[in-house]
């Protein structure tokens, strides 16, 4: 497969992850926490890098940017998993929530970018894994693909 085909496939996967997060939020009533919202930004960032890489001739550069955004997404997912495994650090109010909810994107599209729960809240597993674990796996897969694209060109 050509690198540009990977870009399209990953952008569709990122959009699917965002749509599934919205499904969890609107149908299952799993409200997003600040880390969930930041991971949504990371998925959108990866998708934007992929679409830009597909439309331009800057394949390696866009793969590098998408790789960096994937690493950031992995870090966010790791941190959320750490907070979930250490519930005693929660004070009942997440200080990151107000900062995220004051962003212009949260005000323009509150369904997608508004944080309404705590990062330490327990999340039910979906096919054996919690949503942050799924995010971590997807960001890892994306990062590996972007490294291969950067090596191939």
C-alpha atoms as a PDB file:
ATOM      1  CA  UNK A   1       0.000   0.000   0.000  1.00  0.00           C
ATOM      2  CA  UNK A   2       1.118   3.515  -0.682  1.00  0.00           C
ATOM      3  CA  UNK A   3       1.634   6.005   2.125  1.00  0.00           C
ATOM      4  CA  UNK A   4      -1.257   8.104   0.925  1.00  0.00           C
ATOM      5  CA  UNK A   5      -3.605   5.126   1.312  1.00  0.00           C
ATOM      6  CA  UNK A   6      -2.483   4.762   4.932  1.00  0.00           C
ATOM      7  CA  UNK A   7      -3.256   8.442   5.472  1.00  0.00           C
ATOM      8  CA  UNK A   8      -6.816   7.988   4.254  1.00  0.00           C
ATOM      9  CA  UNK A   9      -7.330   4.799   6.291  1.00  0.00           C
ATOM     10  CA  UNK A  10      -6.026   6.407   9.486  1.00  0.00           C
ATOM     11  CA  UNK A  11      -8.110   9.542   8.980  1.00  0.00           C
ATOM     12  CA  UNK A  12     -11.235   7.356   8.666  1.00  0.00           C
ATOM     13  CA  UNK A  13     -10.226   5.423  11.806  1.00  0.00           C
ATOM     14  CA  UNK A  14      -9.775   8.685  13.724  1.00  0.00           C
ATOM     15  CA  UNK A  15     -13.200   9.882  12.620  1.00  0.00           C
ATOM     16  CA  UNK A  16     -14.643   6.496  13.641  1.00  0.00           C
ATOM     17  CA  UNK A  17     -13.047   6.843  17.099  1.00  0.00           C
ATOM     18  CA  UNK A  18     -14.596  10.304  17.520  1.00  0.00           C
ATOM     19  CA  UNK A  19     -17.998   9.032  16.376  1.00  0.00           C
ATOM     20  CA  UNK A  20     -17.772   6.094  18.794  1.00  0.00           C
ATOM     21  CA  UNK A  21     -16.895   8.493  21.631  1.00  0.00           C
ATOM     22  CA  UNK A  22     -19.986  10.531  20.750  1.00  0.00           C
ATOM     23  CA  UNK A  23     -22.038   7.323  20.696  1.00  0.00           C
ATOM     24  CA  UNK A  24     -20.785   6.458  24.193  1.00  0.00           C
ATOM     25  CA  UNK A  25     -21.579   9.963  25.355  1.00  0.00           C
ATOM     26  CA  UNK A  26     -25.038  10.392  23.816  1.00  0.00           C
ATOM     27  CA  UNK A  27     -26.410   6.826  23.958  1.00  0.00           C
ATOM     28  CA  UNK A  28     -24.630   5.167  26.901  1.00  0.00           C
ATOM     29  CA  UNK A  29     -24.397   8.434  28.885  1.00  0.00           C
ATOM     30  CA  UNK A  30     -20.648   8.070  29.476  1.00  0.00           C
ATOM     31  CA  UNK A  31     -19.763  11.724  30.013  1.00  0.00           C
ATOM     32  CA  UNK A  32     -16.306  12.835  28.817  1.00  0.00           C
ATOM     33  CA  UNK A  33     -13.649  13.917  31.289  1.00  0.00           C
ATOM     34  CA  UNK A  34     -10.910  16.469  30.479  1.00  0.00           C
ATOM     35  CA  UNK A  35      -8.488  13.745  29.347  1.00  0.00           C
ATOM     36  CA  UNK A  36     -11.168  12.249  27.097  1.00  0.00           C
ATOM     37  CA  UNK A  37     -11.725  15.633  25.488  1.00  0.00           C
ATOM     38  CA  UNK A  38      -7.978  16.140  24.999  1.00  0.00           C
ATOM     39  CA  UNK A  39      -7.775  12.707  23.374  1.00  0.00           C
ATOM     40  CA  UNK A  40     -10.562  13.780  21.018  1.00  0.00           C
ATOM     41  CA  UNK A  41      -8.417  16.785  20.063  1.00  0.00           C
ATOM     42  CA  UNK A  42      -5.507  14.391  19.440  1.00  0.00           C
ATOM     43  CA  UNK A  43      -7.618  12.130  17.205  1.00  0.00           C
ATOM     44  CA  UNK A  44      -8.759  15.173  15.247  1.00  0.00           C
ATOM     45  CA  UNK A  45      -5.143  16.385  15.027  1.00  0.00           C
ATOM     46  CA  UNK A  46      -4.013  13.046  13.617  1.00  0.00           C
ATOM     47  CA  UNK A  47      -6.879  13.085  11.106  1.00  0.00           C
ATOM     48  CA  UNK A  48      -6.036  16.643   9.992  1.00  0.00           C
ATOM     49  CA  UNK A  49      -2.362  15.696   9.538  1.00  0.00           C
ATOM     50  CA  UNK A  50      -3.381  12.627   7.518  1.00  0.00           C
ATOM     51  CA  UNK A  51      -5.769  14.534   5.274  1.00  0.00           C
ATOM     52  CA  UNK A  52      -3.135  17.235   4.728  1.00  0.00           C
ATOM     53  CA  UNK A  53      -0.520  14.580   3.956  1.00  0.00           C
ATOM     54  CA  UNK A  54      -2.879  12.985   1.465  1.00  0.00           C
ATOM     55  CA  UNK A  55      -3.634  16.266  -0.306  1.00  0.00           C
ATOM     56  CA  UNK A  56      -0.077  17.642  -0.398  1.00  0.00           C
ATOM     57  CA  UNK A  57       3.291  16.227  -1.366  1.00  0.00           C
ATOM     58  CA  UNK A  58       4.700  16.638   2.150  1.00  0.00           C
ATOM     59  CA  UNK A  59       4.186  13.003   3.091  1.00  0.00           C
ATOM     60  CA  UNK A  60       7.133  12.589   5.480  1.00  0.00           C
ATOM     61  CA  UNK A  61       6.598  15.920   7.198  1.00  0.00           C
ATOM     62  CA  UNK A  62       2.912  15.268   7.797  1.00  0.00           C
ATOM     63  CA  UNK A  63       3.705  11.739   8.983  1.00  0.00           C
ATOM     64  CA  UNK A  64       6.178  13.272  11.448  1.00  0.00           C
ATOM     65  CA  UNK A  65       3.563  15.743  12.736  1.00  0.00           C
ATOM     66  CA  UNK A  66       0.962  12.978  13.005  1.00  0.00           C
ATOM     67  CA  UNK A  67       3.533  10.840  14.844  1.00  0.00           C
ATOM     68  CA  UNK A  68       4.075  13.635  17.391  1.00  0.00           C
ATOM     69  CA  UNK A  69       0.308  14.068  17.870  1.00  0.00           C
ATOM     70  CA  UNK A  70      -0.018  10.285  18.286  1.00  0.00           C
ATOM     71  CA  UNK A  71       2.642  10.351  21.009  1.00  0.00           C
ATOM     72  CA  UNK A  72       0.756  13.147  22.744  1.00  0.00           C
ATOM     73  CA  UNK A  73      -2.444  11.095  22.523  1.00  0.00           C
ATOM     74  CA  UNK A  74      -0.626   8.100  24.003  1.00  0.00           C
ATOM     75  CA  UNK A  75       0.632  10.266  26.862  1.00  0.00           C
ATOM     76  CA  UNK A  76      -2.875  11.544  27.565  1.00  0.00           C
ATOM     77  CA  UNK A  77      -4.281   8.004  27.574  1.00  0.00           C
ATOM     78  CA  UNK A  78      -1.455   6.795  29.868  1.00  0.00           C
ATOM     79  CA  UNK A  79      -2.118   9.653  32.271  1.00  0.00           C
ATOM     80  CA  UNK A  80      -5.851   8.948  32.334  1.00  0.00           C
ATOM     81  CA  UNK A  81      -5.182   5.271  33.046  1.00  0.00           C
ATOM     82  CA  UNK A  82      -2.824   6.284  35.846  1.00  0.00           C
ATOM     83  CA  UNK A  83      -5.452   8.590  37.385  1.00  0.00           C
ATOM     84  CA  UNK A  84      -8.080   5.824  37.157  1.00  0.00           C
ATOM     85  CA  UNK A  85      -5.725   3.403  38.930  1.00  0.00           C
ATOM     86  CA  UNK A  86      -5.044   5.977  41.698  1.00  0.00           C
ATOM     87  CA  UNK A  87      -8.528   7.198  42.720  1.00  0.00           C
ATOM     88  CA  UNK A  88      -7.264   8.655  45.997  1.00  0.00           C
ATOM     89  CA  UNK A  89      -5.670  11.630  44.183  1.00  0.00           C
ATOM     90  CA  UNK A  90      -9.054  12.974  43.042  1.00  0.00           C
ATOM     91  CA  UNK A  91     -10.338  15.863  45.128  1.00  0.00           C
ATOM     92  CA  UNK A  92     -13.847  15.899  43.683  1.00  0.00           C
ATOM     93  CA  UNK A  93     -13.101  18.641  41.138  1.00  0.00           C
ATOM     94  CA  UNK A  94     -10.788  18.387  38.180  1.00  0.00           C
ATOM     95  CA  UNK A  95      -8.782  21.628  37.751  1.00  0.00           C
ATOM     96  CA  UNK A  96      -8.287  20.919  34.051  1.00  0.00           C
ATOM     97  CA  UNK A  97     -12.043  20.872  33.436  1.00  0.00           C
ATOM     98  CA  UNK A  98     -12.556  24.627  33.668  1.00  0.00           C
ATOM     99  CA  UNK A  99      -9.631  25.365  31.343  1.00  0.00           C
ATOM    100  CA  UNK A 100     -10.939  22.927  28.740  1.00  0.00           C
ATOM    101  CA  UNK A 101     -14.513  24.156  28.991  1.00  0.00           C
ATOM    102  CA  UNK A 102     -13.368  27.763  28.462  1.00  0.00           C
ATOM    103  CA  UNK A 103     -11.770  27.001  25.078  1.00  0.00           C
ATOM    104  CA  UNK A 104     -13.593  28.430  22.077  1.00  0.00           C
ATOM    105  CA  UNK A 105     -14.096  24.945  20.632  1.00  0.00           C
ATOM    106  CA  UNK A 106     -15.923  23.823  23.795  1.00  0.00           C
ATOM    107  CA  UNK A 107     -18.204  26.833  23.532  1.00  0.00           C
ATOM    108  CA  UNK A 108     -18.786  26.389  19.790  1.00  0.00           C
ATOM    109  CA  UNK A 109     -19.307  22.592  19.886  1.00  0.00           C
ATOM    110  CA  UNK A 110     -20.119  21.590  23.477  1.00  0.00           C
ATOM    111  CA  UNK A 111     -21.346  18.108  22.514  1.00  0.00           C
ATOM    112  CA  UNK A 112     -17.899  17.239  21.200  1.00  0.00           C
ATOM    113  CA  UNK A 113     -15.521  19.262  23.380  1.00  0.00           C
ATOM    114  CA  UNK A 114     -17.197  19.937  26.747  1.00  0.00           C
ATOM    115  CA  UNK A 115     -15.848  18.055  29.751  1.00  0.00           C
ATOM    116  CA  UNK A 116     -18.485  16.910  32.235  1.00  0.00           C
ATOM    117  CA  UNK A 117     -16.939  14.255  34.480  1.00  0.00           C
ATOM    118  CA  UNK A 118     -13.802  13.412  36.445  1.00  0.00           C
ATOM    119  CA  UNK A 119     -10.794  11.648  34.943  1.00  0.00           C
ATOM    120  CA  UNK A 120     -10.752   9.172  37.826  1.00  0.00           C
ATOM    121  CA  UNK A 121     -14.281   7.901  37.224  1.00  0.00           C
ATOM    122  CA  UNK A 122     -14.490   4.162  36.542  1.00  0.00           C
ATOM    123  CA  UNK A 123     -15.319   3.316  32.945  1.00  0.00           C
ATOM    124  CA  UNK A 124     -17.009   0.090  31.938  1.00  0.00           C
ATOM    125  CA  UNK A 125     -14.919  -2.116  29.638  1.00  0.00           C
ATOM    126  CA  UNK A 126     -15.941  -2.429  26.004  1.00  0.00           C
ATOM    127  CA  UNK A 127     -14.883  -5.782  24.538  1.00  0.00           C
ATOM    128  CA  UNK A 128     -12.552  -6.214  27.502  1.00  0.00           C
ATOM    129  CA  UNK A 129     -10.871  -2.789  27.461  1.00  0.00           C
ATOM    130  CA  UNK A 130     -11.826   0.630  28.804  1.00  0.00           C
ATOM    131  CA  UNK A 131     -12.059   3.619  26.426  1.00  0.00           C
ATOM    132  CA  UNK A 132      -8.638   5.047  27.456  1.00  0.00           C
ATOM    133  CA  UNK A 133      -7.066   1.642  26.825  1.00  0.00           C
ATOM    134  CA  UNK A 134      -8.612   1.586  23.364  1.00  0.00           C
ATOM    135  CA  UNK A 135      -7.310   5.096  22.712  1.00  0.00           C
ATOM    136  CA  UNK A 136      -3.843   4.051  23.817  1.00  0.00           C
ATOM    137  CA  UNK A 137      -3.880   1.070  21.460  1.00  0.00           C
ATOM    138  CA  UNK A 138      -5.061   3.155  18.492  1.00  0.00           C
ATOM    139  CA  UNK A 139      -2.537   5.924  19.099  1.00  0.00           C
ATOM    140  CA  UNK A 140       0.219   3.297  19.360  1.00  0.00           C
ATOM    141  CA  UNK A 141      -0.839   1.672  16.075  1.00  0.00           C
ATOM    142  CA  UNK A 142      -0.950   5.084  14.395  1.00  0.00           C
ATOM    143  CA  UNK A 143       2.517   5.960  15.716  1.00  0.00           C
ATOM    144  CA  UNK A 144       3.980   2.709  14.339  1.00  0.00           C
ATOM    145  CA  UNK A 145       2.404   3.334  10.937  1.00  0.00           C
ATOM    146  CA  UNK A 146       3.713   6.911  10.861  1.00  0.00           C
ATOM    147  CA  UNK A 147       7.245   5.707  11.649  1.00  0.00           C
ATOM    148  CA  UNK A 148       6.991   3.301   8.710  1.00  0.00           C
ATOM    149  CA  UNK A 149       5.713   6.080   6.456  1.00  0.00           C
ATOM    150  CA  UNK A 150       8.583   8.355   7.514  1.00  0.00           C
ATOM    151  CA  UNK A 151      11.089   5.609   6.720  1.00  0.00           C
ATOM    152  CA  UNK A 152       9.520   4.793   3.335  1.00  0.00           C
ATOM    153  CA  UNK A 153       8.529   8.280   2.233  1.00  0.00           C
END
